[in-house]
Amino acid sequence: MTVRKFTARTQEGYIRAVKGFSAFLGASPATASAEDLRRYRLHLVESGVGAPTINHSLTALRFLFLVTLRCAGLVAVAPRRAGPSCSLPGQA
């Protein structure tokens, strides 16, 4: 993450997200399946976590699987969660 110039705060957030996923699994994230990612995302949504936090967690996991573990197959099934739509005043 340092090579990619992630700030210390981003690195801490990514590590926290991976720890949360690992705790949810009860195992190493390296053993995760696409179904585990889907269940974790559902767990986050059901626990009332906001869309930005869910997206941050999924981005951290995407980095873990793509860069660290080089397992791109799992990332394709982890879409981002859309936040509430916003419109400018006067727009419908």
N, C-alpha and C. Protein backbone atom coordinates (compact mmCIF):
# COMPACT_ATOMS: atom_id res chain seq x y z
N MET A 1 0.82 -1.19 0.00
CA MET A 1 0.00 0.00 0.00
C MET A 1 0.86 1.25 0.00
N THR A 2 2.01 1.16 0.62
CA THR A 2 2.92 2.30 0.64
C THR A 2 3.42 2.61 -0.76
N VAL A 3 3.71 1.57 -1.55
CA VAL A 3 4.18 1.77 -2.92
C VAL A 3 3.12 2.50 -3.75
N ARG A 4 1.86 2.24 -3.47
CA ARG A 4 0.77 2.91 -4.18
C ARG A 4 0.42 4.26 -3.58
N LYS A 5 1.20 4.67 -2.58
CA LYS A 5 1.07 5.98 -1.93
C LYS A 5 -0.27 6.16 -1.22
N PHE A 6 -0.78 5.07 -0.61
CA PHE A 6 -1.97 5.19 0.23
C PHE A 6 -1.56 5.91 1.50
N THR A 7 -2.39 6.80 1.98
CA THR A 7 -2.09 7.50 3.23
C THR A 7 -2.17 6.51 4.39
N ALA A 8 -1.58 6.90 5.51
CA ALA A 8 -1.60 6.04 6.71
C ALA A 8 -3.04 5.75 7.12
N ARG A 9 -3.90 6.74 7.00
CA ARG A 9 -5.30 6.57 7.38
C ARG A 9 -6.01 5.56 6.48
N THR A 10 -5.72 5.61 5.19
CA THR A 10 -6.31 4.65 4.25
C THR A 10 -5.81 3.25 4.57
N GLN A 11 -4.52 3.13 4.83
CA GLN A 11 -3.95 1.82 5.17
C GLN A 11 -4.61 1.25 6.42
N GLU A 12 -4.78 2.09 7.44
CA GLU A 12 -5.43 1.64 8.68
C GLU A 12 -6.86 1.20 8.41
N GLY A 13 -7.57 1.96 7.58
CA GLY A 13 -8.94 1.60 7.24
C GLY A 13 -9.03 0.29 6.50
N TYR A 14 -8.12 0.06 5.56
CA TYR A 14 -8.10 -1.19 4.81
C TYR A 14 -7.80 -2.36 5.73
N ILE A 15 -6.84 -2.18 6.62
CA ILE A 15 -6.49 -3.25 7.56
C ILE A 15 -7.68 -3.55 8.48
N ARG A 16 -8.34 -2.51 8.94
CA ARG A 16 -9.52 -2.69 9.79
C ARG A 16 -10.62 -3.45 9.03
N ALA A 17 -10.82 -3.12 7.77
CA ALA A 17 -11.84 -3.79 6.96
C ALA A 17 -11.50 -5.27 6.75
N VAL A 18 -10.25 -5.57 6.50
CA VAL A 18 -9.84 -6.96 6.30
C VAL A 18 -9.96 -7.74 7.62
N LYS A 19 -9.62 -7.10 8.73
CA LYS A 19 -9.79 -7.75 10.04
C LYS A 19 -11.27 -8.04 10.31
N GLY A 20 -12.14 -7.11 9.96
CA GLY A 20 -13.57 -7.32 10.14
C GLY A 20 -14.07 -8.49 9.31
N PHE A 21 -13.61 -8.58 8.07
CA PHE A 21 -14.00 -9.68 7.20
C PHE A 21 -13.47 -11.00 7.74
N SER A 22 -12.23 -10.99 8.20
CA SER A 22 -11.63 -12.19 8.77
C SER A 22 -12.38 -12.65 10.02
N ALA A 23 -12.77 -11.71 10.86
CA ALA A 23 -13.54 -12.05 12.06
C ALA A 23 -14.90 -12.62 11.67
N PHE A 24 -15.52 -12.04 10.66
CA PHE A 24 -16.81 -12.54 10.18
C PHE A 24 -16.67 -13.98 9.69
N LEU A 25 -15.61 -14.25 8.94
CA LEU A 25 -15.37 -15.59 8.41
C LEU A 25 -14.98 -16.58 9.48
N GLY A 26 -14.21 -16.10 10.46
CA GLY A 26 -13.64 -17.01 11.44
C GLY A 26 -12.47 -17.77 10.87
N ALA A 27 -11.90 -17.23 9.80
CA ALA A 27 -10.77 -17.87 9.12
C ALA A 27 -10.01 -16.80 8.33
N SER A 28 -8.94 -17.23 7.71
CA SER A 28 -8.15 -16.33 6.88
C SER A 28 -8.95 -15.90 5.65
N PRO A 29 -8.86 -14.64 5.25
CA PRO A 29 -9.55 -14.20 4.04
C PRO A 29 -9.09 -14.96 2.79
N ALA A 30 -7.90 -15.53 2.83
CA ALA A 30 -7.39 -16.29 1.69
C ALA A 30 -8.27 -17.51 1.39
N THR A 31 -9.05 -17.95 2.36
CA THR A 31 -9.91 -19.11 2.17
C THR A 31 -11.32 -18.72 1.73
N ALA A 32 -11.57 -17.45 1.53
CA ALA A 32 -12.92 -16.96 1.24
C ALA A 32 -13.40 -17.38 -0.15
N SER A 33 -14.70 -17.53 -0.24
CA SER A 33 -15.34 -17.83 -1.52
C SER A 33 -16.19 -16.63 -1.93
N ALA A 34 -16.71 -16.68 -3.14
CA ALA A 34 -17.60 -15.62 -3.61
C ALA A 34 -18.84 -15.55 -2.71
N GLU A 35 -19.31 -16.69 -2.25
CA GLU A 35 -20.47 -16.72 -1.36
C GLU A 35 -20.15 -16.05 -0.03
N ASP A 36 -18.93 -16.20 0.48
CA ASP A 36 -18.52 -15.54 1.72
C ASP A 36 -18.56 -14.02 1.55
N LEU A 37 -18.09 -13.53 0.42
CA LEU A 37 -18.14 -12.08 0.16
C LEU A 37 -19.57 -11.58 0.09
N ARG A 38 -20.42 -12.34 -0.55
CA ARG A 38 -21.82 -11.95 -0.65
C ARG A 38 -22.47 -11.91 0.73
N ARG A 39 -22.20 -12.93 1.55
CA ARG A 39 -22.76 -12.97 2.90
C ARG A 39 -22.23 -11.83 3.76
N TYR A 40 -20.95 -11.48 3.60
CA TYR A 40 -20.37 -10.40 4.38
C TYR A 40 -21.00 -9.06 3.99
N ARG A 41 -21.18 -8.86 2.71
CA ARG A 41 -21.83 -7.63 2.25
C ARG A 41 -23.25 -7.53 2.81
N LEU A 42 -23.98 -8.62 2.77
CA LEU A 42 -25.32 -8.67 3.33
C LEU A 42 -25.29 -8.39 4.83
N HIS A 43 -24.30 -8.95 5.52
CA HIS A 43 -24.13 -8.71 6.95
C HIS A 43 -23.93 -7.21 7.23
N LEU A 44 -23.10 -6.56 6.43
CA LEU A 44 -22.86 -5.13 6.61
C LEU A 44 -24.14 -4.33 6.40
N VAL A 45 -24.88 -4.67 5.36
CA VAL A 45 -26.13 -3.95 5.07
C VAL A 45 -27.12 -4.15 6.20
N GLU A 46 -27.28 -5.38 6.66
CA GLU A 46 -28.24 -5.68 7.72
C GLU A 46 -27.85 -5.08 9.06
N SER A 47 -26.57 -4.84 9.27
CA SER A 47 -26.13 -4.26 10.54
C SER A 47 -26.30 -2.74 10.56
N GLY A 48 -26.77 -2.17 9.45
CA GLY A 48 -27.06 -0.74 9.41
C GLY A 48 -25.89 0.14 9.05
N VAL A 49 -24.82 -0.44 8.57
CA VAL A 49 -23.65 0.34 8.16
C VAL A 49 -24.00 1.15 6.92
N GLY A 50 -23.50 2.37 6.82
CA GLY A 50 -23.79 3.24 5.70
C GLY A 50 -23.11 2.80 4.42
N ALA A 51 -23.64 3.28 3.30
CA ALA A 51 -23.09 2.94 1.99
C ALA A 51 -21.61 3.29 1.85
N PRO A 52 -21.14 4.45 2.33
CA PRO A 52 -19.71 4.75 2.20
C PRO A 52 -18.82 3.74 2.95
N THR A 53 -19.27 3.29 4.10
CA THR A 53 -18.49 2.31 4.86
C THR A 53 -18.48 0.97 4.16
N ILE A 54 -19.61 0.59 3.60
CA ILE A 54 -19.68 -0.67 2.86
C ILE A 54 -18.76 -0.59 1.65
N ASN A 55 -18.82 0.51 0.91
CA ASN A 55 -17.95 0.67 -0.26
C ASN A 55 -16.49 0.66 0.13
N HIS A 56 -16.15 1.29 1.25
CA HIS A 56 -14.76 1.29 1.71
C HIS A 56 -14.30 -0.13 2.04
N SER A 57 -15.16 -0.88 2.72
CA SER A 57 -14.82 -2.26 3.06
C SER A 57 -14.64 -3.11 1.82
N LEU A 58 -15.55 -2.96 0.86
CA LEU A 58 -15.43 -3.74 -0.38
C LEU A 58 -14.21 -3.33 -1.20
N THR A 59 -13.87 -2.06 -1.17
CA THR A 59 -12.67 -1.60 -1.86
C THR A 59 -11.42 -2.18 -1.22
N ALA A 60 -11.41 -2.24 0.11
CA ALA A 60 -10.28 -2.84 0.82
C ALA A 60 -10.15 -4.33 0.47
N LEU A 61 -11.29 -5.01 0.42
CA LEU A 61 -11.25 -6.43 0.07
C LEU A 61 -10.86 -6.62 -1.39
N ARG A 62 -11.31 -5.72 -2.24
CA ARG A 62 -10.91 -5.78 -3.66
C ARG A 62 -9.39 -5.65 -3.77
N PHE A 63 -8.81 -4.72 -3.02
CA PHE A 63 -7.35 -4.56 -3.02
C PHE A 63 -6.68 -5.83 -2.51
N LEU A 64 -7.22 -6.39 -1.42
CA LEU A 64 -6.65 -7.61 -0.86
C LEU A 64 -6.63 -8.73 -1.89
N PHE A 65 -7.77 -8.96 -2.54
CA PHE A 65 -7.86 -10.09 -3.47
C PHE A 65 -7.13 -9.84 -4.78
N LEU A 66 -7.18 -8.61 -5.31
CA LEU A 66 -6.51 -8.34 -6.58
C LEU A 66 -5.01 -8.19 -6.45
N VAL A 67 -4.57 -7.40 -5.48
CA VAL A 67 -3.15 -7.04 -5.38
C VAL A 67 -2.38 -8.01 -4.49
N THR A 68 -2.91 -8.25 -3.30
CA THR A 68 -2.17 -9.06 -2.34
C THR A 68 -2.26 -10.55 -2.65
N LEU A 69 -3.47 -11.05 -2.84
CA LEU A 69 -3.66 -12.49 -3.06
C LEU A 69 -3.70 -12.87 -4.53
N ARG A 70 -3.83 -11.88 -5.42
CA ARG A 70 -3.91 -12.11 -6.87
C ARG A 70 -4.97 -13.13 -7.23
N CYS A 71 -6.15 -12.88 -6.73
CA CYS A 71 -7.29 -13.77 -6.94
C CYS A 71 -8.45 -12.95 -7.49
N ALA A 72 -8.37 -12.60 -8.76
CA ALA A 72 -9.33 -11.68 -9.38
C ALA A 72 -10.73 -12.27 -9.49
N GLY A 73 -10.87 -13.58 -9.47
CA GLY A 73 -12.18 -14.20 -9.63
C GLY A 73 -13.19 -13.79 -8.59
N LEU A 74 -12.77 -13.58 -7.37
CA LEU A 74 -13.70 -13.20 -6.31
C LEU A 74 -14.16 -11.77 -6.43
N VAL A 75 -13.33 -10.92 -6.95
CA VAL A 75 -13.63 -9.49 -7.00
C VAL A 75 -14.76 -9.19 -7.98
N ALA A 76 -14.87 -9.96 -9.02
CA ALA A 76 -15.88 -9.71 -10.04
C ALA A 76 -17.30 -9.84 -9.49
N VAL A 77 -17.46 -10.56 -8.38
CA VAL A 77 -18.80 -10.77 -7.83
C VAL A 77 -19.10 -9.85 -6.64
N ALA A 78 -18.24 -8.87 -6.39
CA ALA A 78 -18.44 -7.97 -5.26
C ALA A 78 -18.72 -6.55 -5.75
N PRO A 79 -19.95 -6.28 -6.20
CA PRO A 79 -20.26 -4.93 -6.69
C PRO A 79 -20.31 -3.93 -5.55
N ARG A 80 -20.14 -2.68 -5.89
CA ARG A 80 -20.24 -1.61 -4.89
C ARG A 80 -21.71 -1.34 -4.61
N ARG A 81 -21.95 -0.82 -3.44
CA ARG A 81 -23.32 -0.48 -3.05
C ARG A 81 -23.58 0.98 -3.41
N ALA A 82 -24.68 1.19 -4.07
CA ALA A 82 -25.04 2.56 -4.44
C ALA A 82 -25.56 3.29 -3.20
N GLY A 83 -25.12 4.50 -3.05
CA GLY A 83 -25.60 5.32 -1.94
C GLY A 83 -26.90 5.99 -2.31
N PRO A 84 -27.41 6.79 -1.43
CA PRO A 84 -28.65 7.50 -1.76
C PRO A 84 -28.42 8.45 -2.92
N SER A 85 -29.39 8.52 -3.80
CA SER A 85 -29.22 9.41 -4.94
C SER A 85 -29.42 10.85 -4.50
N CYS A 86 -28.66 11.71 -5.06
CA CYS A 86 -28.74 13.15 -4.74
C CYS A 86 -29.05 13.91 -6.02
N SER A 87 -29.83 14.91 -5.89
CA SER A 87 -30.07 15.79 -7.03
C SER A 87 -29.97 17.23 -6.57
N LEU A 88 -29.60 18.06 -7.48
CA LEU A 88 -29.49 19.47 -7.18
C LEU A 88 -30.87 20.09 -7.05
N PRO A 89 -30.99 21.14 -6.28
CA PRO A 89 -32.29 21.81 -6.18
C PRO A 89 -32.80 22.21 -7.56
N GLY A 90 -34.08 21.95 -7.79
CA GLY A 90 -34.68 22.30 -9.07
C GLY A 90 -34.62 21.19 -10.09
N GLN A 91 -33.93 20.09 -9.74
CA GLN A 91 -33.87 18.95 -10.65
C GLN A 91 -34.80 17.87 -10.12
N ALA A 92 -35.43 17.14 -11.03
CA ALA A 92 -36.36 16.10 -10.60
C ALA A 92 -35.72 14.76 -10.55
